């Protein structure tokens, strides 16, 4: 089993190098004005975190921000 710290180091190194010019599918959807995958992606991440007894304040914040964005985009 891979330790969480090893995963964190791997993700950090990726984001410093190859990932610095990458865009997430969420950002691509927002830029294109498309419906996002926030329900699917968020639910899976939160479920995994909750199963591991981890709190998800940043995920919760991102979810809320994206839902407000989606609601305002639809209302316009």
PDB file of N, CA and C in Angstrom:
ATOM      1  N   UNK A   1       0.844  -1.181   0.000  1.00  0.00           N
ATOM      2  CA  UNK A   1       0.000   0.000   0.000  1.00  0.00           C
ATOM      3  C   UNK A   1       0.891   1.246   0.000  1.00  0.00           C
ATOM      4  N   UNK A   2       0.510   2.220  -0.789  1.00  0.00           N
ATOM      5  CA  UNK A   2       1.269   3.460  -0.892  1.00  0.00           C
ATOM      6  C   UNK A   2       0.823   4.415   0.212  1.00  0.00           C
ATOM      7  N   UNK A   3       1.769   4.994   0.883  1.00  0.00           N
ATOM      8  CA  UNK A   3       1.464   5.942   1.954  1.00  0.00           C
ATOM      9  C   UNK A   3       0.938   7.249   1.371  1.00  0.00           C
ATOM     10  N   UNK A   4       0.048   7.893   2.114  1.00  0.00           N
ATOM     11  CA  UNK A   4      -0.501   9.176   1.663  1.00  0.00           C
ATOM     12  C   UNK A   4       0.590  10.201   1.410  1.00  0.00           C
ATOM     13  N   UNK A   5       1.629  10.176   2.223  1.00  0.00           N
ATOM     14  CA  UNK A   5       2.711  11.148   2.047  1.00  0.00           C
ATOM     15  C   UNK A   5       3.426  10.946   0.721  1.00  0.00           C
ATOM     16  N   UNK A   6       3.559   9.686   0.292  1.00  0.00           N
ATOM     17  CA  UNK A   6       4.193   9.405  -0.998  1.00  0.00           C
ATOM     18  C   UNK A   6       3.339   9.920  -2.144  1.00  0.00           C
ATOM     19  N   UNK A   7       2.035   9.775  -2.033  1.00  0.00           N
ATOM     20  CA  UNK A   7       1.122  10.286  -3.056  1.00  0.00           C
ATOM     21  C   UNK A   7       1.211  11.801  -3.109  1.00  0.00           C
ATOM     22  N   UNK A   8       1.234  12.435  -1.953  1.00  0.00           N
ATOM     23  CA  UNK A   8       1.312  13.891  -1.903  1.00  0.00           C
ATOM     24  C   UNK A   8       2.597  14.398  -2.550  1.00  0.00           C
ATOM     25  N   UNK A   9       3.716  13.754  -2.270  1.00  0.00           N
ATOM     26  CA  UNK A   9       4.994  14.150  -2.864  1.00  0.00           C
ATOM     27  C   UNK A   9       4.943  13.981  -4.383  1.00  0.00           C
ATOM     28  N   UNK A  10       4.394  12.873  -4.836  1.00  0.00           N
ATOM     29  CA  UNK A  10       4.284  12.598  -6.267  1.00  0.00           C
ATOM     30  C   UNK A  10       3.432  13.666  -6.953  1.00  0.00           C
ATOM     31  N   UNK A  11       2.278  13.996  -6.375  1.00  0.00           N
ATOM     32  CA  UNK A  11       1.407  15.015  -6.956  1.00  0.00           C
ATOM     33  C   UNK A  11       2.067  16.392  -6.951  1.00  0.00           C
ATOM     34  N   UNK A  12       2.761  16.693  -5.873  1.00  0.00           N
ATOM     35  CA  UNK A  12       3.448  17.982  -5.789  1.00  0.00           C
ATOM     36  C   UNK A  12       4.519  18.093  -6.873  1.00  0.00           C
ATOM     37  N   UNK A  13       5.311  17.058  -7.035  1.00  0.00           N
ATOM     38  CA  UNK A  13       6.359  17.074  -8.055  1.00  0.00           C
ATOM     39  C   UNK A  13       5.766  17.186  -9.456  1.00  0.00           C
ATOM     40  N   UNK A  14       4.681  16.478  -9.692  1.00  0.00           N
ATOM     41  CA  UNK A  14       4.025  16.558 -10.996  1.00  0.00           C
ATOM     42  C   UNK A  14       3.540  17.982 -11.260  1.00  0.00           C
ATOM     43  N   UNK A  15       2.899  18.576 -10.262  1.00  0.00           N
ATOM     44  CA  UNK A  15       2.350  19.916 -10.464  1.00  0.00           C
ATOM     45  C   UNK A  15       3.450  20.957 -10.662  1.00  0.00           C
ATOM     46  N   UNK A  16       4.612  20.740 -10.050  1.00  0.00           N
ATOM     47  CA  UNK A  16       5.731  21.662 -10.244  1.00  0.00           C
ATOM     48  C   UNK A  16       6.286  21.584 -11.656  1.00  0.00           C
ATOM     49  N   UNK A  17       6.239  20.426 -12.256  1.00  0.00           N
ATOM     50  CA  UNK A  17       6.875  20.204 -13.552  1.00  0.00           C
ATOM     51  C   UNK A  17       5.842  20.123 -14.667  1.00  0.00           C
ATOM     52  N   UNK A  18       5.430  18.922 -15.020  1.00  0.00           N
ATOM     53  CA  UNK A  18       4.529  18.707 -16.146  1.00  0.00           C
ATOM     54  C   UNK A  18       3.176  19.373 -15.965  1.00  0.00           C
ATOM     55  N   UNK A  19       2.693  19.419 -14.754  1.00  0.00           N
ATOM     56  CA  UNK A  19       1.350  19.900 -14.510  1.00  0.00           C
ATOM     57  C   UNK A  19       1.167  21.403 -14.522  1.00  0.00           C
ATOM     58  N   UNK A  20       2.236  22.171 -14.589  1.00  0.00           N
ATOM     59  CA  UNK A  20       2.068  23.620 -14.453  1.00  0.00           C
ATOM     60  C   UNK A  20       1.309  24.251 -15.612  1.00  0.00           C
ATOM     61  N   UNK A  21       1.293  23.628 -16.785  1.00  0.00           N
ATOM     62  CA  UNK A  21       0.539  24.162 -17.911  1.00  0.00           C
ATOM     63  C   UNK A  21      -0.725  23.357 -18.200  1.00  0.00           C
ATOM     64  N   UNK A  22      -0.998  22.382 -17.370  1.00  0.00           N
ATOM     65  CA  UNK A  22      -2.162  21.524 -17.576  1.00  0.00           C
ATOM     66  C   UNK A  22      -3.421  22.199 -17.040  1.00  0.00           C
ATOM     67  N   UNK A  23      -4.536  21.869 -17.651  1.00  0.00           N
ATOM     68  CA  UNK A  23      -5.831  22.354 -17.177  1.00  0.00           C
ATOM     69  C   UNK A  23      -6.693  21.155 -16.840  1.00  0.00           C
ATOM     70  N   UNK A  24      -7.427  21.274 -15.758  1.00  0.00           N
ATOM     71  CA  UNK A  24      -8.322  20.198 -15.362  1.00  0.00           C
ATOM     72  C   UNK A  24      -9.555  20.199 -16.261  1.00  0.00           C
ATOM     73  N   UNK A  25     -10.242  19.064 -16.302  1.00  0.00           N
ATOM     74  CA  UNK A  25     -11.473  18.993 -17.092  1.00  0.00           C
ATOM     75  C   UNK A  25     -12.517  19.962 -16.545  1.00  0.00           C
ATOM     76  N   UNK A  26     -12.502  20.191 -15.242  1.00  0.00           N
ATOM     77  CA  UNK A  26     -13.422  21.146 -14.638  1.00  0.00           C
ATOM     78  C   UNK A  26     -13.173  22.544 -15.202  1.00  0.00           C
ATOM     79  N   UNK A  27     -11.920  22.967 -15.246  1.00  0.00           N
ATOM     80  CA  UNK A  27     -11.584  24.276 -15.786  1.00  0.00           C
ATOM     81  C   UNK A  27     -11.913  24.364 -17.275  1.00  0.00           C
ATOM     82  N   UNK A  28     -11.622  23.308 -18.016  1.00  0.00           N
ATOM     83  CA  UNK A  28     -11.945  23.299 -19.449  1.00  0.00           C
ATOM     84  C   UNK A  28     -13.449  23.436 -19.670  1.00  0.00           C
ATOM     85  N   UNK A  29     -14.251  22.741 -18.861  1.00  0.00           N
ATOM     86  CA  UNK A  29     -15.704  22.865 -18.960  1.00  0.00           C
ATOM     87  C   UNK A  29     -16.157  24.293 -18.667  1.00  0.00           C
ATOM     88  N   UNK A  30     -15.603  24.889 -17.624  1.00  0.00           N
ATOM     89  CA  UNK A  30     -15.973  26.257 -17.262  1.00  0.00           C
ATOM     90  C   UNK A  30     -15.589  27.223 -18.374  1.00  0.00           C
ATOM     91  N   UNK A  31     -14.380  27.104 -18.890  1.00  0.00           N
ATOM     92  CA  UNK A  31     -13.931  28.000 -19.960  1.00  0.00           C
ATOM     93  C   UNK A  31     -14.785  27.858 -21.215  1.00  0.00           C
ATOM     94  N   UNK A  32     -15.275  26.643 -21.487  1.00  0.00           N
ATOM     95  CA  UNK A  32     -16.095  26.403 -22.680  1.00  0.00           C
ATOM     96  C   UNK A  32     -17.571  26.703 -22.438  1.00  0.00           C
ATOM     97  N   UNK A  33     -17.923  27.026 -21.190  1.00  0.00           N
ATOM     98  CA  UNK A  33     -19.320  27.295 -20.870  1.00  0.00           C
ATOM     99  C   UNK A  33     -20.172  26.043 -20.799  1.00  0.00           C
ATOM    100  N   UNK A  34     -19.543  24.901 -20.604  1.00  0.00           N
ATOM    101  CA  UNK A  34     -20.252  23.623 -20.535  1.00  0.00           C
ATOM    102  C   UNK A  34     -20.639  23.278 -19.106  1.00  0.00           C
ATOM    103  N   UNK A  35     -21.583  22.358 -18.980  1.00  0.00           N
ATOM    104  CA  UNK A  35     -21.922  21.793 -17.680  1.00  0.00           C
ATOM    105  C   UNK A  35     -20.677  21.082 -17.145  1.00  0.00           C
ATOM    106  N   UNK A  36     -20.370  21.259 -15.872  1.00  0.00           N
ATOM    107  CA  UNK A  36     -19.187  20.616 -15.298  1.00  0.00           C
ATOM    108  C   UNK A  36     -19.525  19.215 -14.797  1.00  0.00           C
ATOM    109  N   UNK A  37     -18.495  18.500 -14.435  1.00  0.00           N
ATOM    110  CA  UNK A  37     -18.646  17.153 -13.869  1.00  0.00           C
ATOM    111  C   UNK A  37     -18.555  17.195 -12.348  1.00  0.00           C
ATOM    112  N   UNK A  38     -18.867  18.330 -11.748  1.00  0.00           N
ATOM    113  CA  UNK A  38     -18.655  18.516 -10.315  1.00  0.00           C
ATOM    114  C   UNK A  38     -19.401  17.480  -9.474  1.00  0.00           C
ATOM    115  N   UNK A  39     -20.613  17.108  -9.880  1.00  0.00           N
ATOM    116  CA  UNK A  39     -21.370  16.131  -9.095  1.00  0.00           C
ATOM    117  C   UNK A  39     -20.657  14.781  -9.077  1.00  0.00           C
ATOM    118  N   UNK A  40     -20.223  14.318 -10.227  1.00  0.00           N
ATOM    119  CA  UNK A  40     -19.560  13.021 -10.316  1.00  0.00           C
ATOM    120  C   UNK A  40     -18.204  13.045  -9.634  1.00  0.00           C
ATOM    121  N   UNK A  41     -17.386  14.027  -9.974  1.00  0.00           N
ATOM    122  CA  UNK A  41     -16.031  14.102  -9.416  1.00  0.00           C
ATOM    123  C   UNK A  41     -16.063  14.364  -7.918  1.00  0.00           C
ATOM    124  N   UNK A  42     -16.859  15.320  -7.508  1.00  0.00           N
ATOM    125  CA  UNK A  42     -16.935  15.687  -6.103  1.00  0.00           C
ATOM    126  C   UNK A  42     -17.416  14.513  -5.261  1.00  0.00           C
ATOM    127  N   UNK A  43     -18.466  13.857  -5.717  1.00  0.00           N
ATOM    128  CA  UNK A  43     -19.038  12.754  -4.937  1.00  0.00           C
ATOM    129  C   UNK A  43     -18.011  11.648  -4.710  1.00  0.00           C
ATOM    130  N   UNK A  44     -17.255  11.307  -5.738  1.00  0.00           N
ATOM    131  CA  UNK A  44     -16.255  10.240  -5.605  1.00  0.00           C
ATOM    132  C   UNK A  44     -15.149  10.629  -4.633  1.00  0.00           C
ATOM    133  N   UNK A  45     -14.648  11.848  -4.750  1.00  0.00           N
ATOM    134  CA  UNK A  45     -13.576  12.294  -3.860  1.00  0.00           C
ATOM    135  C   UNK A  45     -14.031  12.382  -2.411  1.00  0.00           C
ATOM    136  N   UNK A  46     -15.200  12.952  -2.215  1.00  0.00           N
ATOM    137  CA  UNK A  46     -15.702  13.097  -0.847  1.00  0.00           C
ATOM    138  C   UNK A  46     -15.985  11.730  -0.237  1.00  0.00           C
ATOM    139  N   UNK A  47     -16.541  10.817  -1.018  1.00  0.00           N
ATOM    140  CA  UNK A  47     -16.820   9.472  -0.511  1.00  0.00           C
ATOM    141  C   UNK A  47     -15.530   8.785  -0.068  1.00  0.00           C
ATOM    142  N   UNK A  48     -14.488   8.888  -0.874  1.00  0.00           N
ATOM    143  CA  UNK A  48     -13.197   8.286  -0.508  1.00  0.00           C
ATOM    144  C   UNK A  48     -12.630   8.929   0.751  1.00  0.00           C
ATOM    145  N   UNK A  49     -12.716  10.234   0.819  1.00  0.00           N
ATOM    146  CA  UNK A  49     -12.200  10.941   1.995  1.00  0.00           C
ATOM    147  C   UNK A  49     -12.985  10.572   3.241  1.00  0.00           C
ATOM    148  N   UNK A  50     -14.299  10.555   3.134  1.00  0.00           N
ATOM    149  CA  UNK A  50     -15.131  10.211   4.286  1.00  0.00           C
ATOM    150  C   UNK A  50     -14.842   8.778   4.747  1.00  0.00           C
ATOM    151  N   UNK A  51     -14.646   7.855   3.790  1.00  0.00           N
ATOM    152  CA  UNK A  51     -14.318   6.469   4.141  1.00  0.00           C
ATOM    153  C   UNK A  51     -13.005   6.388   4.911  1.00  0.00           C
ATOM    154  N   UNK A  52     -12.102   7.333   4.641  1.00  0.00           N
ATOM    155  CA  UNK A  52     -10.808   7.368   5.327  1.00  0.00           C
ATOM    156  C   UNK A  52     -10.839   8.289   6.547  1.00  0.00           C
ATOM    157  N   UNK A  53     -12.030   8.709   6.943  1.00  0.00           N
ATOM    158  CA  UNK A  53     -12.225   9.616   8.094  1.00  0.00           C
ATOM    159  C   UNK A  53     -11.476  10.937   7.930  1.00  0.00           C
ATOM    160  N   UNK A  54     -11.480  11.455   6.717  1.00  0.00           N
ATOM    161  CA  UNK A  54     -10.840  12.737   6.440  1.00  0.00           C
ATOM    162  C   UNK A  54     -11.897  13.798   6.193  1.00  0.00           C
ATOM    163  N   UNK A  55     -11.657  14.994   6.693  1.00  0.00           N
ATOM    164  CA  UNK A  55     -12.566  16.090   6.384  1.00  0.00           C
ATOM    165  C   UNK A  55     -12.189  16.668   5.019  1.00  0.00           C
ATOM    166  N   UNK A  56     -13.123  17.331   4.391  1.00  0.00           N
ATOM    167  CA  UNK A  56     -12.893  17.826   3.026  1.00  0.00           C
ATOM    168  C   UNK A  56     -13.294  19.300   2.891  1.00  0.00           C
ATOM    169  N   UNK A  57     -12.763  20.172   3.721  1.00  0.00           N
ATOM    170  CA  UNK A  57     -13.201  21.568   3.645  1.00  0.00           C
ATOM    171  C   UNK A  57     -12.891  22.233   2.299  1.00  0.00           C
ATOM    172  N   UNK A  58     -11.765  21.934   1.693  1.00  0.00           N
ATOM    173  CA  UNK A  58     -11.447  22.552   0.401  1.00  0.00           C
ATOM    174  C   UNK A  58     -12.328  21.990  -0.707  1.00  0.00           C
ATOM    175  N   UNK A  59     -12.552  20.694  -0.698  1.00  0.00           N
ATOM    176  CA  UNK A  59     -13.467  20.111  -1.680  1.00  0.00           C
ATOM    177  C   UNK A  59     -14.865  20.694  -1.519  1.00  0.00           C
ATOM    178  N   UNK A  60     -15.293  20.856  -0.287  1.00  0.00           N
ATOM    179  CA  UNK A  60     -16.606  21.434  -0.027  1.00  0.00           C
ATOM    180  C   UNK A  60     -16.682  22.864  -0.559  1.00  0.00           C
ATOM    181  N   UNK A  61     -15.610  23.627  -0.378  1.00  0.00           N
ATOM    182  CA  UNK A  61     -15.575  24.999  -0.868  1.00  0.00           C
ATOM    183  C   UNK A  61     -15.597  25.042  -2.398  1.00  0.00           C
ATOM    184  N   UNK A  62     -14.787  24.202  -3.041  1.00  0.00           N
ATOM    185  CA  UNK A  62     -14.763  24.151  -4.505  1.00  0.00           C
ATOM    186  C   UNK A  62     -16.146  23.783  -5.035  1.00  0.00           C
ATOM    187  N   UNK A  63     -16.759  22.801  -4.418  1.00  0.00           N
ATOM    188  CA  UNK A  63     -18.097  22.378  -4.832  1.00  0.00           C
ATOM    189  C   UNK A  63     -19.070  23.555  -4.766  1.00  0.00           C
ATOM    190  N   UNK A  64     -19.052  24.271  -3.650  1.00  0.00           N
ATOM    191  CA  UNK A  64     -19.970  25.399  -3.482  1.00  0.00           C
ATOM    192  C   UNK A  64     -19.715  26.484  -4.529  1.00  0.00           C
ATOM    193  N   UNK A  65     -18.461  26.787  -4.779  1.00  0.00           N
ATOM    194  CA  UNK A  65     -18.125  27.823  -5.766  1.00  0.00           C
ATOM    195  C   UNK A  65     -18.591  27.413  -7.164  1.00  0.00           C
ATOM    196  N   UNK A  66     -18.336  26.177  -7.538  1.00  0.00           N
ATOM    197  CA  UNK A  66     -18.734  25.711  -8.874  1.00  0.00           C
ATOM    198  C   UNK A  66     -20.252  25.689  -8.997  1.00  0.00           C
ATOM    199  N   UNK A  67     -20.955  25.271  -7.962  1.00  0.00           N
ATOM    200  CA  UNK A  67     -22.414  25.254  -8.021  1.00  0.00           C
ATOM    201  C   UNK A  67     -22.978  26.662  -8.158  1.00  0.00           C
ATOM    202  N   UNK A  68     -22.390  27.642  -7.480  1.00  0.00           N
ATOM    203  CA  UNK A  68     -22.814  29.035  -7.639  1.00  0.00           C
ATOM    204  C   UNK A  68     -22.538  29.503  -9.066  1.00  0.00           C
ATOM    205  N   UNK A  69     -21.366  29.174  -9.586  1.00  0.00           N
ATOM    206  CA  UNK A  69     -21.043  29.529 -10.963  1.00  0.00           C
ATOM    207  C   UNK A  69     -22.049  28.925 -11.930  1.00  0.00           C
ATOM    208  N   UNK A  70     -22.331  27.631 -11.779  1.00  0.00           N
ATOM    209  CA  UNK A  70     -23.278  26.971 -12.676  1.00  0.00           C
ATOM    210  C   UNK A  70     -24.660  27.595 -12.594  1.00  0.00           C
ATOM    211  N   UNK A  71     -25.097  27.913 -11.399  1.00  0.00           N
ATOM    212  CA  UNK A  71     -26.412  28.525 -11.231  1.00  0.00           C
ATOM    213  C   UNK A  71     -26.461  29.913 -11.883  1.00  0.00           C
ATOM    214  N   UNK A  72     -25.388  30.665 -11.747  1.00  0.00           N
ATOM    215  CA  UNK A  72     -25.375  32.006 -12.350  1.00  0.00           C
ATOM    216  C   UNK A  72     -25.273  31.926 -13.870  1.00  0.00           C
ATOM    217  N   UNK A  73     -24.581  30.924 -14.373  1.00  0.00           N
ATOM    218  CA  UNK A  73     -24.451  30.759 -15.821  1.00  0.00           C
ATOM    219  C   UNK A  73     -25.806  30.395 -16.426  1.00  0.00           C
ATOM    220  N   UNK A  74     -26.539  29.538 -15.768  1.00  0.00           N
ATOM    221  CA  UNK A  74     -27.855  29.125 -16.251  1.00  0.00           C
ATOM    222  C   UNK A  74     -28.844  30.281 -16.176  1.00  0.00           C
ATOM    223  N   UNK A  75     -28.722  31.105 -15.135  1.00  0.00           N
ATOM    224  CA  UNK A  75     -29.664  32.204 -14.924  1.00  0.00           C
ATOM    225  C   UNK A  75     -29.475  33.332 -15.926  1.00  0.00           C
ATOM    226  N   UNK A  76     -28.292  33.408 -16.540  1.00  0.00           N
ATOM    227  CA  UNK A  76     -28.016  34.528 -17.451  1.00  0.00           C
ATOM    228  C   UNK A  76     -28.657  34.307 -18.796  1.00  0.00           C
TER     229      UNK A  76
END
